Amino acid sequence: MNGLAKYMAVWMISVFISSVAQVLLKVAANKKYPSRIREYLNPIVIVSYGIFFLSTILTMYALKYVPLTMSPIIEPCSYIFVPVLGWLVLKEKISKRRLLGMGIMLVGIAIFSM
C-alpha cells in the first residue's frame, strides 16, 4: 500500500468510527434516564464523544498527507455507513428512497474520483 492510500485508509477509518459514534448516540437517545444529568453523563454518551475525538485526531493526521480535494470522496461515506450501521445495530429499516439516495451518492463519489 503506497503512502497516499495508507493515509486515505486512515481517513476512511476515521469516518467509519465517527459513524459508529453517531449510532451509539442514537442508542443512548432511545433510552429513558431518571434525570437530565444522567442523560448526558452516561457511559454510552461519554464513549461516543471519546470516539468523535479520536475520529477528529485521525482525520487531522490523515489530512497532513492527503489533499483536501479528496474530502468530497471520503467524508460522504458517513452518509452510507450510518444507515447501514443503524440497520445492523438498531434494526432500522432502510427505505427504497434511502437506498436510491445512497446509490446516487456512490455514483457521485465514483464520478468525482475520476
Protein backbone atom coordinates (compact mmCIF):
# COMPACT_ATOMS: atom_id res chain seq x y z
CA MET A 1 0.00 0.00 0.00
CA ASN A 2 1.52 3.30 -1.04
CA GLY A 3 1.70 6.33 1.26
CA LEU A 4 -1.36 8.18 -0.05
CA ALA A 5 -3.55 5.05 0.05
CA LYS A 6 -2.46 4.38 3.63
CA TYR A 7 -3.50 7.85 4.79
CA MET A 8 -6.74 7.69 2.83
CA ALA A 9 -7.47 4.41 4.64
CA VAL A 10 -6.80 6.16 7.97
CA TRP A 11 -9.26 8.89 6.96
CA MET A 12 -11.85 6.31 5.89
CA ILE A 13 -11.47 4.53 9.24
CA SER A 14 -11.96 7.89 10.91
CA VAL A 15 -15.22 8.41 9.01
CA PHE A 16 -16.35 4.89 9.92
CA ILE A 17 -15.67 5.26 13.65
CA SER A 18 -17.41 8.63 13.60
CA SER A 19 -20.43 6.83 12.15
CA VAL A 20 -20.22 4.26 14.94
CA ALA A 21 -20.25 7.10 17.47
CA GLN A 22 -23.37 8.57 15.82
CA VAL A 23 -25.18 5.24 16.11
CA LEU A 24 -24.09 4.91 19.76
CA LEU A 25 -25.52 8.35 20.48
CA LYS A 26 -28.79 7.26 18.92
CA VAL A 27 -28.77 4.16 21.14
CA ALA A 28 -28.29 6.44 24.16
CA ALA A 29 -31.04 8.79 22.96
CA ASN A 30 -33.52 5.91 22.73
CA LYS A 31 -33.11 5.09 26.43
CA LYS A 32 -35.00 6.65 29.33
CA TYR A 33 -32.98 8.23 32.13
CA PRO A 34 -34.02 9.13 35.68
CA SER A 35 -32.61 12.67 35.41
CA ARG A 36 -31.36 15.16 32.83
CA ILE A 37 -27.79 14.92 34.12
CA ARG A 38 -27.81 11.09 33.79
CA GLU A 39 -28.97 11.54 30.21
CA TYR A 40 -25.70 13.24 29.32
CA LEU A 41 -23.33 11.67 31.83
CA ASN A 42 -23.71 8.02 30.99
CA PRO A 43 -21.09 5.63 29.61
CA ILE A 44 -22.55 5.40 26.10
CA VAL A 45 -22.56 9.18 25.59
CA ILE A 46 -19.09 9.61 27.09
CA VAL A 47 -17.64 6.80 24.94
CA SER A 48 -19.35 8.25 21.85
CA TYR A 49 -17.77 11.65 22.36
CA GLY A 50 -14.43 9.96 23.01
CA ILE A 51 -14.80 8.18 19.68
CA PHE A 52 -15.63 11.50 17.98
CA PHE A 53 -12.45 12.97 19.48
CA LEU A 54 -10.40 10.01 18.20
CA SER A 55 -12.03 10.42 14.78
CA THR A 56 -11.05 14.08 14.70
CA ILE A 57 -7.44 13.26 15.59
CA LEU A 58 -7.28 10.58 12.88
CA THR A 59 -8.79 12.94 10.31
CA MET A 60 -6.30 15.70 11.15
CA TYR A 61 -3.45 13.18 10.92
CA ALA A 62 -4.64 11.94 7.52
CA LEU A 63 -5.12 15.50 6.23
CA LYS A 64 -1.41 16.13 6.75
CA TYR A 65 -0.77 13.74 3.85
CA VAL A 66 -3.97 13.59 1.80
CA PRO A 67 -5.02 16.56 -0.33
CA LEU A 68 -8.15 18.31 0.89
CA THR A 69 -9.61 17.84 -2.59
CA MET A 70 -10.21 14.19 -1.59
CA SER A 71 -12.69 15.30 1.08
CA PRO A 72 -15.76 15.10 -1.21
CA ILE A 73 -14.86 11.47 -1.85
CA ILE A 74 -14.21 10.32 1.71
CA GLU A 75 -16.49 12.34 4.00
CA PRO A 76 -19.83 11.46 2.29
CA CYS A 77 -19.18 7.80 3.07
CA SER A 78 -20.60 8.53 6.52
CA TYR A 79 -23.99 9.01 4.83
CA ILE A 80 -23.72 5.38 3.80
CA PHE A 81 -22.13 3.98 6.97
CA VAL A 82 -24.71 5.45 9.37
CA PRO A 83 -27.83 3.91 7.77
CA VAL A 84 -26.09 0.55 7.34
CA LEU A 85 -24.93 0.56 10.97
CA GLY A 86 -28.43 1.64 12.04
CA TRP A 87 -29.83 -1.30 10.13
CA LEU A 88 -27.33 -3.73 11.67
CA VAL A 89 -27.34 -2.43 15.25
CA LEU A 90 -30.74 -0.81 15.73
CA LYS A 91 -32.68 -2.96 13.27
CA GLU A 92 -33.88 0.19 11.47
CA LYS A 93 -35.40 -0.24 8.05
CA ILE A 94 -33.70 1.27 5.04
CA SER A 95 -36.38 2.59 2.71
CA LYS A 96 -36.21 2.34 -1.06
CA ARG A 97 -35.84 6.10 -1.18
CA ARG A 98 -32.83 6.00 1.16
CA LEU A 99 -31.28 3.15 -0.86
CA LEU A 100 -31.74 5.21 -4.00
CA GLY A 101 -30.11 8.19 -2.30
CA MET A 102 -27.19 6.06 -1.14
CA GLY A 103 -26.80 4.71 -4.68
CA ILE A 104 -26.79 8.22 -6.12
CA MET A 105 -24.12 9.22 -3.58
CA LEU A 106 -21.96 6.23 -4.55
CA VAL A 107 -22.28 7.15 -8.23
CA GLY A 108 -21.40 10.76 -7.41
CA ILE A 109 -18.36 9.67 -5.40
CA ALA A 110 -17.25 7.43 -8.26
CA ILE A 111 -17.67 10.22 -10.83
CA PHE A 112 -15.88 12.77 -8.64
CA SER A 113 -12.97 10.40 -8.01
CA MET A 114 -12.33 10.02 -11.74
